[in-house]
Amino acid sequence: MLKDILNDAGVRMDKSLDTLRNELHKIRTGKATTALLDGVKVEAYGSLMPLNQTANVSVLDAHTLAVQPWDRGTIGAIEKAIRSADLGLNPANDGTVVRVPIPALNEERRREMVKLIKRFGEEAKVALRNVRRDANEHLKKAEKDEHVSEDERKKAEKQVQDLTDKHIANVDALLKGKEVEIMEV
């Protein structure tokens, strides 16, 4: 019973960290990465489709992405989707490939990005604390239902707190690394 509660809390905390990693991965740092276009949806074949299902996305150089559509008929839709995705990117096509230059970040934009990642970090910490609260409630319920003793509950609550502290330290480390990456000129 206690193991199940602790394992569930660990799995849910790991998922919160994975979500943060994915969000941080999407934030551009002035360097070209295919993850920048992961959230772009293209109007193709009568529906909205993820860009990576309509084209091959690759890195040409440190400041340019190339999007090679599988069907040349979708090149205009791909260019429009990237432009309207509110990523601050201005794609251009040559009839076969959409080139996406990644503009350098100015100081003000870098600071905005740092604020954004800190907000993502705070959301992740809130999610971790919510998991801790849920686990502690399950432990108290288990004690109330006489499945575990008070000592076992207190020991398990300490384990949940240790797990939370470890995951919050991981969040802080991820944020610090991304902040250094963003502020690097």
C-alpha atoms as a PDB file:
ATOM      1  CA  MET A   1       0.000   0.000   0.000  1.00  0.00           C
ATOM      2  CA  LEU A   2       2.702   2.501   1.011  1.00  0.00           C
ATOM      3  CA  LYS A   3       4.917   1.443  -1.879  1.00  0.00           C
ATOM      4  CA  ASP A   4       2.061   2.024  -4.318  1.00  0.00           C
ATOM      5  CA  ILE A   5       1.479   5.541  -2.999  1.00  0.00           C
ATOM      6  CA  LEU A   6       5.207   6.380  -3.118  1.00  0.00           C
ATOM      7  CA  ASN A   7       5.653   4.871  -6.595  1.00  0.00           C
ATOM      8  CA  ASP A   8       2.635   6.775  -7.909  1.00  0.00           C
ATOM      9  CA  ALA A   9       3.994  10.023  -6.465  1.00  0.00           C
ATOM     10  CA  GLY A  10       7.409   9.356  -8.035  1.00  0.00           C
ATOM     11  CA  VAL A  11       5.912   8.608 -11.448  1.00  0.00           C
ATOM     12  CA  ARG A  12       3.737  11.722 -11.369  1.00  0.00           C
ATOM     13  CA  MET A  13       6.675  13.897 -10.282  1.00  0.00           C
ATOM     14  CA  ASP A  14       8.803  12.447 -13.101  1.00  0.00           C
ATOM     15  CA  LYS A  15       6.032  13.341 -15.565  1.00  0.00           C
ATOM     16  CA  SER A  16       6.003  16.922 -14.267  1.00  0.00           C
ATOM     17  CA  LEU A  17       9.762  17.122 -14.849  1.00  0.00           C
ATOM     18  CA  ASP A  18       9.374  15.681 -18.365  1.00  0.00           C
ATOM     19  CA  THR A  19       6.731  18.298 -19.148  1.00  0.00           C
ATOM     20  CA  LEU A  20       9.097  21.052 -17.987  1.00  0.00           C
ATOM     21  CA  ARG A  21      11.931  19.612 -20.099  1.00  0.00           C
ATOM     22  CA  ASN A  22       9.659  19.618 -23.163  1.00  0.00           C
ATOM     23  CA  GLU A  23       8.589  23.218 -22.552  1.00  0.00           C
ATOM     24  CA  LEU A  24      12.192  24.360 -22.074  1.00  0.00           C
ATOM     25  CA  HIS A  25      13.256  22.498 -25.197  1.00  0.00           C
ATOM     26  CA  LYS A  26      10.786  24.518 -27.280  1.00  0.00           C
ATOM     27  CA  ILE A  27      12.150  27.865 -26.136  1.00  0.00           C
ATOM     28  CA  ARG A  28      14.548  29.250 -28.671  1.00  0.00           C
ATOM     29  CA  THR A  29      17.961  30.452 -27.639  1.00  0.00           C
ATOM     30  CA  GLY A  30      19.139  31.955 -30.915  1.00  0.00           C
ATOM     31  CA  LYS A  31      20.352  28.582 -32.122  1.00  0.00           C
ATOM     32  CA  ALA A  32      18.486  26.507 -34.677  1.00  0.00           C
ATOM     33  CA  THR A  33      16.835  23.375 -33.289  1.00  0.00           C
ATOM     34  CA  THR A  34      14.082  21.283 -34.839  1.00  0.00           C
ATOM     35  CA  ALA A  35      12.173  21.349 -31.530  1.00  0.00           C
ATOM     36  CA  LEU A  36      11.276  24.996 -32.210  1.00  0.00           C
ATOM     37  CA  LEU A  37       8.732  23.865 -34.782  1.00  0.00           C
ATOM     38  CA  ASP A  38       7.286  20.935 -32.788  1.00  0.00           C
ATOM     39  CA  GLY A  39       4.126  22.833 -31.862  1.00  0.00           C
ATOM     40  CA  VAL A  40       3.413  24.113 -35.383  1.00  0.00           C
ATOM     41  CA  LYS A  41       0.194  22.803 -36.959  1.00  0.00           C
ATOM     42  CA  VAL A  42      -0.265  22.893 -40.727  1.00  0.00           C
ATOM     43  CA  GLU A  43      -3.611  23.087 -42.532  1.00  0.00           C
ATOM     44  CA  ALA A  44      -3.146  20.191 -44.963  1.00  0.00           C
ATOM     45  CA  TYR A  45      -5.460  17.638 -46.551  1.00  0.00           C
ATOM     46  CA  GLY A  46      -8.502  19.203 -44.909  1.00  0.00           C
ATOM     47  CA  SER A  47      -7.264  19.076 -41.318  1.00  0.00           C
ATOM     48  CA  LEU A  48      -4.680  20.496 -38.944  1.00  0.00           C
ATOM     49  CA  MET A  49      -1.607  18.266 -38.858  1.00  0.00           C
ATOM     50  CA  PRO A  50       1.675  18.559 -36.937  1.00  0.00           C
ATOM     51  CA  LEU A  51       4.429  19.964 -39.144  1.00  0.00           C
ATOM     52  CA  ASN A  52       6.592  16.868 -38.673  1.00  0.00           C
ATOM     53  CA  GLN A  53       3.830  14.776 -40.309  1.00  0.00           C
ATOM     54  CA  THR A  54       3.819  16.888 -43.465  1.00  0.00           C
ATOM     55  CA  ALA A  55       7.521  17.646 -43.893  1.00  0.00           C
ATOM     56  CA  ASN A  56      11.049  16.766 -42.877  1.00  0.00           C
ATOM     57  CA  VAL A  57      12.545  19.394 -40.540  1.00  0.00           C
ATOM     58  CA  SER A  58      16.335  19.654 -40.367  1.00  0.00           C
ATOM     59  CA  VAL A  59      19.042  22.047 -39.188  1.00  0.00           C
ATOM     60  CA  LEU A  60      21.025  23.635 -42.052  1.00  0.00           C
ATOM     61  CA  ASP A  61      23.407  25.593 -39.841  1.00  0.00           C
ATOM     62  CA  ALA A  62      23.447  27.179 -36.378  1.00  0.00           C
ATOM     63  CA  HIS A  63      20.958  29.849 -37.438  1.00  0.00           C
ATOM     64  CA  THR A  64      18.801  28.213 -40.127  1.00  0.00           C
ATOM     65  CA  LEU A  65      16.196  25.445 -40.252  1.00  0.00           C
ATOM     66  CA  ALA A  66      15.108  23.726 -43.448  1.00  0.00           C
ATOM     67  CA  VAL A  67      11.606  22.328 -43.896  1.00  0.00           C
ATOM     68  CA  GLN A  68      11.318  19.921 -46.839  1.00  0.00           C
ATOM     69  CA  PRO A  69       7.633  19.155 -47.520  1.00  0.00           C
ATOM     70  CA  TRP A  70       6.765  15.655 -48.666  1.00  0.00           C
ATOM     71  CA  ASP A  71       4.092  17.117 -50.945  1.00  0.00           C
ATOM     72  CA  ARG A  72       5.099  20.336 -52.734  1.00  0.00           C
ATOM     73  CA  GLY A  73       1.457  21.391 -52.743  1.00  0.00           C
ATOM     74  CA  THR A  74       1.665  22.033 -48.985  1.00  0.00           C
ATOM     75  CA  ILE A  75       4.664  24.391 -49.132  1.00  0.00           C
ATOM     76  CA  GLY A  76       2.507  27.537 -48.915  1.00  0.00           C
ATOM     77  CA  ALA A  77       0.490  26.139 -46.010  1.00  0.00           C
ATOM     78  CA  ILE A  78       3.710  25.187 -44.185  1.00  0.00           C
ATOM     79  CA  GLU A  79       5.170  28.677 -44.646  1.00  0.00           C
ATOM     80  CA  LYS A  80       1.897  30.271 -43.459  1.00  0.00           C
ATOM     81  CA  ALA A  81       1.706  27.940 -40.423  1.00  0.00           C
ATOM     82  CA  ILE A  82       5.254  28.780 -39.310  1.00  0.00           C
ATOM     83  CA  ARG A  83       4.627  32.511 -39.771  1.00  0.00           C
ATOM     84  CA  SER A  84       1.344  32.412 -37.814  1.00  0.00           C
ATOM     85  CA  ALA A  85       2.692  30.199 -34.991  1.00  0.00           C
ATOM     86  CA  ASP A  86       3.783  33.352 -33.093  1.00  0.00           C
ATOM     87  CA  LEU A  87       7.381  32.183 -32.777  1.00  0.00           C
ATOM     88  CA  GLY A  88       8.874  35.380 -34.174  1.00  0.00           C
ATOM     89  CA  LEU A  89      10.134  33.519 -37.243  1.00  0.00           C
ATOM     90  CA  ASN A  90       9.959  34.682 -40.847  1.00  0.00           C
ATOM     91  CA  PRO A  91      10.173  31.682 -43.219  1.00  0.00           C
ATOM     92  CA  ALA A  92      10.900  31.931 -46.936  1.00  0.00           C
ATOM     93  CA  ASN A  93      10.415  29.253 -49.586  1.00  0.00           C
ATOM     94  CA  ASP A  94      12.247  28.664 -52.854  1.00  0.00           C
ATOM     95  CA  GLY A  95       9.601  26.395 -54.352  1.00  0.00           C
ATOM     96  CA  THR A  96      10.954  23.177 -52.865  1.00  0.00           C
ATOM     97  CA  VAL A  97      12.254  23.986 -49.380  1.00  0.00           C
ATOM     98  CA  VAL A  98      11.110  26.397 -46.668  1.00  0.00           C
ATOM     99  CA  ARG A  99      14.105  28.055 -45.044  1.00  0.00           C
ATOM    100  CA  VAL A 100      13.559  29.416 -41.532  1.00  0.00           C
ATOM    101  CA  PRO A 101      16.280  31.839 -40.365  1.00  0.00           C
ATOM    102  CA  ILE A 102      16.546  32.032 -36.582  1.00  0.00           C
ATOM    103  CA  PRO A 103      17.135  35.683 -35.611  1.00  0.00           C
ATOM    104  CA  ALA A 104      19.636  36.498 -32.884  1.00  0.00           C
ATOM    105  CA  LEU A 105      18.072  37.436 -29.570  1.00  0.00           C
ATOM    106  CA  ASN A 106      18.593  40.933 -28.210  1.00  0.00           C
ATOM    107  CA  GLU A 107      19.160  41.596 -24.501  1.00  0.00           C
ATOM    108  CA  GLU A 108      15.533  42.549 -23.805  1.00  0.00           C
ATOM    109  CA  ARG A 109      14.217  39.404 -25.530  1.00  0.00           C
ATOM    110  CA  ARG A 110      16.684  37.244 -23.574  1.00  0.00           C
ATOM    111  CA  ARG A 111      15.388  38.687 -20.303  1.00  0.00           C
ATOM    112  CA  GLU A 112      11.787  37.979 -21.397  1.00  0.00           C
ATOM    113  CA  MET A 113      12.788  34.390 -22.166  1.00  0.00           C
ATOM    114  CA  VAL A 114      14.351  34.025 -18.708  1.00  0.00           C
ATOM    115  CA  LYS A 115      11.112  35.298 -17.120  1.00  0.00           C
ATOM    116  CA  LEU A 116       9.185  32.790 -19.211  1.00  0.00           C
ATOM    117  CA  ILE A 117      11.324  29.822 -18.171  1.00  0.00           C
ATOM    118  CA  LYS A 118      11.072  30.892 -14.528  1.00  0.00           C
ATOM    119  CA  ARG A 119       7.279  30.888 -14.884  1.00  0.00           C
ATOM    120  CA  PHE A 120       7.456  27.371 -16.369  1.00  0.00           C
ATOM    121  CA  GLY A 121       9.685  26.357 -13.461  1.00  0.00           C
ATOM    122  CA  GLU A 122       7.237  27.733 -10.910  1.00  0.00           C
ATOM    123  CA  GLU A 123       4.374  25.862 -12.606  1.00  0.00           C
ATOM    124  CA  ALA A 124       6.424  22.654 -12.396  1.00  0.00           C
ATOM    125  CA  LYS A 125       7.114  23.246  -8.696  1.00  0.00           C
ATOM    126  CA  VAL A 126       3.394  23.806  -8.055  1.00  0.00           C
ATOM    127  CA  ALA A 127       2.653  20.524  -9.844  1.00  0.00           C
ATOM    128  CA  LEU A 128       5.240  18.747  -7.674  1.00  0.00           C
ATOM    129  CA  ARG A 129       3.725  20.208  -4.505  1.00  0.00           C
ATOM    130  CA  ASN A 130       0.267  19.103  -5.644  1.00  0.00           C
ATOM    131  CA  VAL A 131       1.566  15.549  -6.092  1.00  0.00           C
ATOM    132  CA  ARG A 132       3.098  15.727  -2.586  1.00  0.00           C
ATOM    133  CA  ARG A 133      -0.224  16.933  -1.148  1.00  0.00           C
ATOM    134  CA  ASP A 134      -2.146  14.121  -2.884  1.00  0.00           C
ATOM    135  CA  ALA A 135       0.332  11.490  -1.671  1.00  0.00           C
ATOM    136  CA  ASN A 136       0.113  12.796   1.908  1.00  0.00           C
ATOM    137  CA  GLU A 137      -3.696  12.728   1.745  1.00  0.00           C
ATOM    138  CA  HIS A 138      -3.574   9.105   0.560  1.00  0.00           C
ATOM    139  CA  LEU A 139      -1.219   8.263   3.425  1.00  0.00           C
ATOM    140  CA  LYS A 140      -3.544   9.891   5.993  1.00  0.00           C
ATOM    141  CA  LYS A 141      -6.507   8.053   4.509  1.00  0.00           C
ATOM    142  CA  ALA A 142      -4.600   4.759   4.695  1.00  0.00           C
ATOM    143  CA  GLU A 143      -3.835   5.438   8.364  1.00  0.00           C
ATOM    144  CA  LYS A 144      -7.460   6.384   9.055  1.00  0.00           C
ATOM    145  CA  ASP A 145      -8.645   3.169   7.365  1.00  0.00           C
ATOM    146  CA  GLU A 146      -6.163   1.340   9.637  1.00  0.00           C
ATOM    147  CA  HIS A 147      -4.039  -0.038   6.785  1.00  0.00           C
ATOM    148  CA  VAL A 148      -0.864   1.587   8.205  1.00  0.00           C
ATOM    149  CA  SER A 149       0.309   2.791  11.602  1.00  0.00           C
ATOM    150  CA  GLU A 150       1.026   6.413  12.473  1.00  0.00           C
ATOM    151  CA  ASP A 151       4.782   5.734  12.513  1.00  0.00           C
ATOM    152  CA  GLU A 152       4.656   4.166   9.046  1.00  0.00           C
ATOM    153  CA  ARG A 153       2.659   7.132   7.745  1.00  0.00           C
ATOM    154  CA  LYS A 154       5.130   9.645   9.169  1.00  0.00           C
ATOM    155  CA  LYS A 155       8.057   7.707   7.692  1.00  0.00           C
ATOM    156  CA  ALA A 156       6.308   7.590   4.305  1.00  0.00           C
ATOM    157  CA  GLU A 157       5.505  11.325   4.480  1.00  0.00           C
ATOM    158  CA  LYS A 158       9.213  11.988   5.019  1.00  0.00           C
ATOM    159  CA  GLN A 159       9.994   9.870   1.941  1.00  0.00           C
ATOM    160  CA  VAL A 160       7.434  11.844  -0.072  1.00  0.00           C
ATOM    161  CA  GLN A 161       9.044  15.103   1.122  1.00  0.00           C
ATOM    162  CA  ASP A 162      12.521  13.822   0.185  1.00  0.00           C
ATOM    163  CA  LEU A 163      11.193  12.871  -3.258  1.00  0.00           C
ATOM    164  CA  THR A 164       9.656  16.331  -3.644  1.00  0.00           C
ATOM    165  CA  ASP A 165      12.884  18.053  -2.582  1.00  0.00           C
ATOM    166  CA  LYS A 166      14.897  15.984  -5.074  1.00  0.00           C
ATOM    167  CA  HIS A 167      12.543  16.851  -7.936  1.00  0.00           C
ATOM    168  CA  ILE A 168      12.487  20.568  -7.021  1.00  0.00           C
ATOM    169  CA  ALA A 169      16.301  20.536  -7.061  1.00  0.00           C
ATOM    170  CA  ASN A 170      16.110  18.992 -10.550  1.00  0.00           C
ATOM    171  CA  VAL A 171      13.725  21.777 -11.652  1.00  0.00           C
ATOM    172  CA  ASP A 172      16.158  24.398 -10.330  1.00  0.00           C
ATOM    173  CA  ALA A 173      19.070  22.739 -12.158  1.00  0.00           C
ATOM    174  CA  LEU A 174      17.115  22.617 -15.436  1.00  0.00           C
ATOM    175  CA  LEU A 175      16.177  26.290 -15.108  1.00  0.00           C
ATOM    176  CA  LYS A 176      19.727  27.341 -14.287  1.00  0.00           C
ATOM    177  CA  GLY A 177      21.108  25.487 -17.305  1.00  0.00           C
ATOM    178  CA  LYS A 178      18.508  26.953 -19.652  1.00  0.00           C
ATOM    179  CA  GLU A 179      19.039  30.469 -18.257  1.00  0.00           C
ATOM    180  CA  VAL A 180      22.783  30.207 -18.934  1.00  0.00           C
ATOM    181  CA  GLU A 181      22.013  28.944 -22.455  1.00  0.00           C
ATOM    182  CA  ILE A 182      19.610  31.840 -23.138  1.00  0.00           C
ATOM    183  CA  MET A 183      21.864  34.582 -21.763  1.00  0.00           C
ATOM    184  CA  GLU A 184      24.886  33.281 -23.687  1.00  0.00           C
ATOM    185  CA  VAL A 185      25.647  35.665 -26.549  1.00  0.00           C
END
